[in-house]
Amino acid sequence: MLEPLHDYVLLRKEKEEKTTASGILLTSAKEPSKLATVEKIGPEVKNQGYAVGDRVLFREREGMKMKSGDEEYIVIKDIDIIAVDR
Protein backbone atom coordinates (compact mmCIF):
# COMPACT_ATOMS: atom_id res chain seq x y z
CA MET A 1 0.00 0.00 0.00
CA LEU A 2 1.23 3.49 -0.77
CA GLU A 3 2.52 5.62 2.11
CA PRO A 4 1.88 9.33 1.53
CA LEU A 5 4.81 11.67 2.17
CA HIS A 6 4.94 15.28 3.40
CA ASP A 7 1.46 16.84 3.62
CA TYR A 8 -0.32 14.38 1.33
CA VAL A 9 -3.27 12.13 2.17
CA LEU A 10 -4.23 8.82 0.53
CA LEU A 11 -7.99 8.53 -0.09
CA ARG A 12 -10.02 5.54 -1.31
CA LYS A 13 -12.75 6.75 -3.63
CA GLU A 14 -16.28 5.50 -3.12
CA LYS A 15 -17.47 3.01 -5.69
CA GLU A 16 -20.15 4.34 -7.99
CA GLU A 17 -23.32 2.28 -8.13
CA LYS A 18 -23.92 0.97 -11.64
CA THR A 19 -27.39 -0.48 -10.93
CA THR A 20 -30.22 0.26 -8.53
CA ALA A 21 -31.41 -2.23 -5.90
CA SER A 22 -34.12 -3.37 -8.33
CA GLY A 23 -31.56 -3.97 -11.12
CA ILE A 24 -32.10 -0.85 -13.25
CA LEU A 25 -28.89 0.14 -15.04
CA LEU A 26 -27.75 3.68 -14.19
CA THR A 27 -26.32 5.93 -16.88
CA SER A 28 -22.87 7.48 -16.68
CA ALA A 29 -24.41 10.98 -16.76
CA LYS A 30 -24.49 11.00 -12.96
CA GLU A 31 -21.84 13.25 -11.45
CA PRO A 32 -19.13 11.21 -9.69
CA SER A 33 -19.02 11.34 -5.90
CA LYS A 34 -16.53 13.70 -4.32
CA LEU A 35 -16.55 11.72 -1.09
CA ALA A 36 -13.73 9.36 -0.18
CA THR A 37 -12.41 7.46 2.83
CA VAL A 38 -9.09 8.47 4.40
CA GLU A 39 -6.70 5.50 4.15
CA LYS A 40 -3.38 7.03 5.25
CA ILE A 41 -2.12 10.46 6.33
CA GLY A 42 1.34 11.87 5.57
CA PRO A 43 3.70 12.70 8.46
CA GLU A 44 3.59 16.49 7.97
CA VAL A 45 -0.22 16.75 8.24
CA LYS A 46 -0.96 18.37 11.63
CA ASN A 47 -4.28 19.11 13.38
CA GLN A 48 -6.27 18.05 10.35
CA GLY A 49 -9.68 17.48 12.00
CA TYR A 50 -10.09 14.07 10.37
CA ALA A 51 -8.62 10.62 10.94
CA VAL A 52 -8.00 7.38 9.07
CA GLY A 53 -11.39 5.84 8.29
CA ASP A 54 -13.29 9.15 8.07
CA ARG A 55 -15.28 10.06 4.95
CA VAL A 56 -14.20 13.41 3.56
CA LEU A 57 -15.21 15.79 0.77
CA PHE A 58 -12.33 16.83 -1.48
CA ARG A 59 -11.72 19.16 -4.41
CA GLU A 60 -12.40 17.12 -7.55
CA ARG A 61 -9.69 18.55 -9.82
CA GLU A 62 -6.82 18.09 -7.38
CA GLY A 63 -4.62 15.10 -6.64
CA MET A 64 -3.29 12.11 -8.53
CA LYS A 65 -5.63 9.21 -9.29
CA MET A 66 -4.62 5.54 -9.41
CA LYS A 67 -6.21 2.09 -9.42
CA SER A 68 -5.18 -0.97 -7.45
CA GLY A 69 -7.32 -4.00 -8.19
CA ASP A 70 -10.97 -2.94 -8.00
CA GLU A 71 -10.23 0.06 -5.79
CA GLU A 72 -9.63 3.63 -6.93
CA TYR A 73 -7.37 5.87 -4.88
CA ILE A 74 -6.39 9.51 -4.98
CA VAL A 75 -3.33 11.11 -3.38
CA ILE A 76 -4.21 14.67 -2.48
CA LYS A 77 -2.73 17.57 -0.52
CA ASP A 78 -4.17 18.01 2.98
CA ILE A 79 -5.39 21.52 2.10
CA ASP A 80 -7.63 20.12 -0.67
CA ILE A 81 -9.78 18.19 1.82
CA ILE A 82 -12.60 20.60 2.53
CA ALA A 83 -15.08 18.82 4.83
CA VAL A 84 -15.62 15.73 7.00
CA ASP A 85 -18.83 13.66 6.77
CA ARG A 86 -19.93 13.06 10.38
C-alpha atoms as a PDB file:
ATOM      1  CA  MET A   1       0.000   0.000   0.000  1.00  0.00           C
ATOM      2  CA  LEU A   2       1.232   3.488  -0.765  1.00  0.00           C
ATOM      3  CA  GLU A   3       2.521   5.618   2.109  1.00  0.00           C
ATOM      4  CA  PRO A   4       1.875   9.334   1.529  1.00  0.00           C
ATOM      5  CA  LEU A   5       4.813  11.670   2.171  1.00  0.00           C
ATOM      6  CA  HIS A   6       4.940  15.278   3.401  1.00  0.00           C
ATOM      7  CA  ASP A   7       1.458  16.841   3.623  1.00  0.00           C
ATOM      8  CA  TYR A   8      -0.320  14.379   1.325  1.00  0.00           C
ATOM      9  CA  VAL A   9      -3.270  12.133   2.173  1.00  0.00           C
ATOM     10  CA  LEU A  10      -4.235   8.823   0.533  1.00  0.00           C
ATOM     11  CA  LEU A  11      -7.994   8.527  -0.093  1.00  0.00           C
ATOM     12  CA  ARG A  12     -10.019   5.538  -1.308  1.00  0.00           C
ATOM     13  CA  LYS A  13     -12.753   6.752  -3.631  1.00  0.00           C
ATOM     14  CA  GLU A  14     -16.279   5.501  -3.122  1.00  0.00           C
ATOM     15  CA  LYS A  15     -17.466   3.015  -5.689  1.00  0.00           C
ATOM     16  CA  GLU A  16     -20.150   4.343  -7.992  1.00  0.00           C
ATOM     17  CA  GLU A  17     -23.318   2.277  -8.126  1.00  0.00           C
ATOM     18  CA  LYS A  18     -23.923   0.965 -11.637  1.00  0.00           C
ATOM     19  CA  THR A  19     -27.391  -0.484 -10.931  1.00  0.00           C
ATOM     20  CA  THR A  20     -30.219   0.263  -8.532  1.00  0.00           C
ATOM     21  CA  ALA A  21     -31.414  -2.230  -5.898  1.00  0.00           C
ATOM     22  CA  SER A  22     -34.117  -3.367  -8.334  1.00  0.00           C
ATOM     23  CA  GLY A  23     -31.556  -3.968 -11.116  1.00  0.00           C
ATOM     24  CA  ILE A  24     -32.102  -0.849 -13.245  1.00  0.00           C
ATOM     25  CA  LEU A  25     -28.890   0.143 -15.043  1.00  0.00           C
ATOM     26  CA  LEU A  26     -27.750   3.676 -14.185  1.00  0.00           C
ATOM     27  CA  THR A  27     -26.321   5.934 -16.885  1.00  0.00           C
ATOM     28  CA  SER A  28     -22.872   7.480 -16.677  1.00  0.00           C
ATOM     29  CA  ALA A  29     -24.409  10.981 -16.760  1.00  0.00           C
ATOM     30  CA  LYS A  30     -24.495  10.996 -12.964  1.00  0.00           C
ATOM     31  CA  GLU A  31     -21.844  13.250 -11.451  1.00  0.00           C
ATOM     32  CA  PRO A  32     -19.132  11.211  -9.694  1.00  0.00           C
ATOM     33  CA  SER A  33     -19.022  11.341  -5.898  1.00  0.00           C
ATOM     34  CA  LYS A  34     -16.527  13.705  -4.323  1.00  0.00           C
ATOM     35  CA  LEU A  35     -16.547  11.719  -1.089  1.00  0.00           C
ATOM     36  CA  ALA A  36     -13.727   9.364  -0.184  1.00  0.00           C
ATOM     37  CA  THR A  37     -12.412   7.465   2.825  1.00  0.00           C
ATOM     38  CA  VAL A  38      -9.094   8.466   4.400  1.00  0.00           C
ATOM     39  CA  GLU A  39      -6.703   5.497   4.148  1.00  0.00           C
ATOM     40  CA  LYS A  40      -3.376   7.033   5.248  1.00  0.00           C
ATOM     41  CA  ILE A  41      -2.120  10.455   6.331  1.00  0.00           C
ATOM     42  CA  GLY A  42       1.337  11.875   5.566  1.00  0.00           C
ATOM     43  CA  PRO A  43       3.705  12.702   8.460  1.00  0.00           C
ATOM     44  CA  GLU A  44       3.592  16.491   7.972  1.00  0.00           C
ATOM     45  CA  VAL A  45      -0.216  16.755   8.243  1.00  0.00           C
ATOM     46  CA  LYS A  46      -0.965  18.368  11.626  1.00  0.00           C
ATOM     47  CA  ASN A  47      -4.282  19.111  13.384  1.00  0.00           C
ATOM     48  CA  GLN A  48      -6.272  18.046  10.348  1.00  0.00           C
ATOM     49  CA  GLY A  49      -9.685  17.484  11.997  1.00  0.00           C
ATOM     50  CA  TYR A  50     -10.092  14.070  10.365  1.00  0.00           C
ATOM     51  CA  ALA A  51      -8.618  10.616  10.940  1.00  0.00           C
ATOM     52  CA  VAL A  52      -7.996   7.376   9.068  1.00  0.00           C
ATOM     53  CA  GLY A  53     -11.389   5.840   8.291  1.00  0.00           C
ATOM     54  CA  ASP A  54     -13.291   9.152   8.073  1.00  0.00           C
ATOM     55  CA  ARG A  55     -15.277  10.055   4.949  1.00  0.00           C
ATOM     56  CA  VAL A  56     -14.201  13.415   3.557  1.00  0.00           C
ATOM     57  CA  LEU A  57     -15.213  15.794   0.772  1.00  0.00           C
ATOM     58  CA  PHE A  58     -12.329  16.829  -1.481  1.00  0.00           C
ATOM     59  CA  ARG A  59     -11.716  19.162  -4.412  1.00  0.00           C
ATOM     60  CA  GLU A  60     -12.401  17.124  -7.546  1.00  0.00           C
ATOM     61  CA  ARG A  61      -9.691  18.548  -9.816  1.00  0.00           C
ATOM     62  CA  GLU A  62      -6.821  18.094  -7.376  1.00  0.00           C
ATOM     63  CA  GLY A  63      -4.623  15.105  -6.641  1.00  0.00           C
ATOM     64  CA  MET A  64      -3.292  12.109  -8.534  1.00  0.00           C
ATOM     65  CA  LYS A  65      -5.631   9.208  -9.288  1.00  0.00           C
ATOM     66  CA  MET A  66      -4.617   5.542  -9.414  1.00  0.00           C
ATOM     67  CA  LYS A  67      -6.208   2.090  -9.419  1.00  0.00           C
ATOM     68  CA  SER A  68      -5.185  -0.973  -7.450  1.00  0.00           C
ATOM     69  CA  GLY A  69      -7.322  -4.004  -8.192  1.00  0.00           C
ATOM     70  CA  ASP A  70     -10.968  -2.942  -8.005  1.00  0.00           C
ATOM     71  CA  GLU A  71     -10.232   0.057  -5.787  1.00  0.00           C
ATOM     72  CA  GLU A  72      -9.633   3.631  -6.931  1.00  0.00           C
ATOM     73  CA  TYR A  73      -7.366   5.870  -4.882  1.00  0.00           C
ATOM     74  CA  ILE A  74      -6.392   9.512  -4.977  1.00  0.00           C
ATOM     75  CA  VAL A  75      -3.329  11.113  -3.382  1.00  0.00           C
ATOM     76  CA  ILE A  76      -4.209  14.665  -2.477  1.00  0.00           C
ATOM     77  CA  LYS A  77      -2.729  17.575  -0.520  1.00  0.00           C
ATOM     78  CA  ASP A  78      -4.169  18.013   2.979  1.00  0.00           C
ATOM     79  CA  ILE A  79      -5.386  21.519   2.102  1.00  0.00           C
ATOM     80  CA  ASP A  80      -7.634  20.120  -0.673  1.00  0.00           C
ATOM     81  CA  ILE A  81      -9.775  18.191   1.817  1.00  0.00           C
ATOM     82  CA  ILE A  82     -12.602  20.605   2.527  1.00  0.00           C
ATOM     83  CA  ALA A  83     -15.084  18.819   4.830  1.00  0.00           C
ATOM     84  CA  VAL A  84     -15.619  15.726   7.001  1.00  0.00           C
ATOM     85  CA  ASP A  85     -18.830  13.663   6.767  1.00  0.00           C
ATOM     86  CA  ARG A  86     -19.930  13.056  10.385  1.00  0.00           C
END
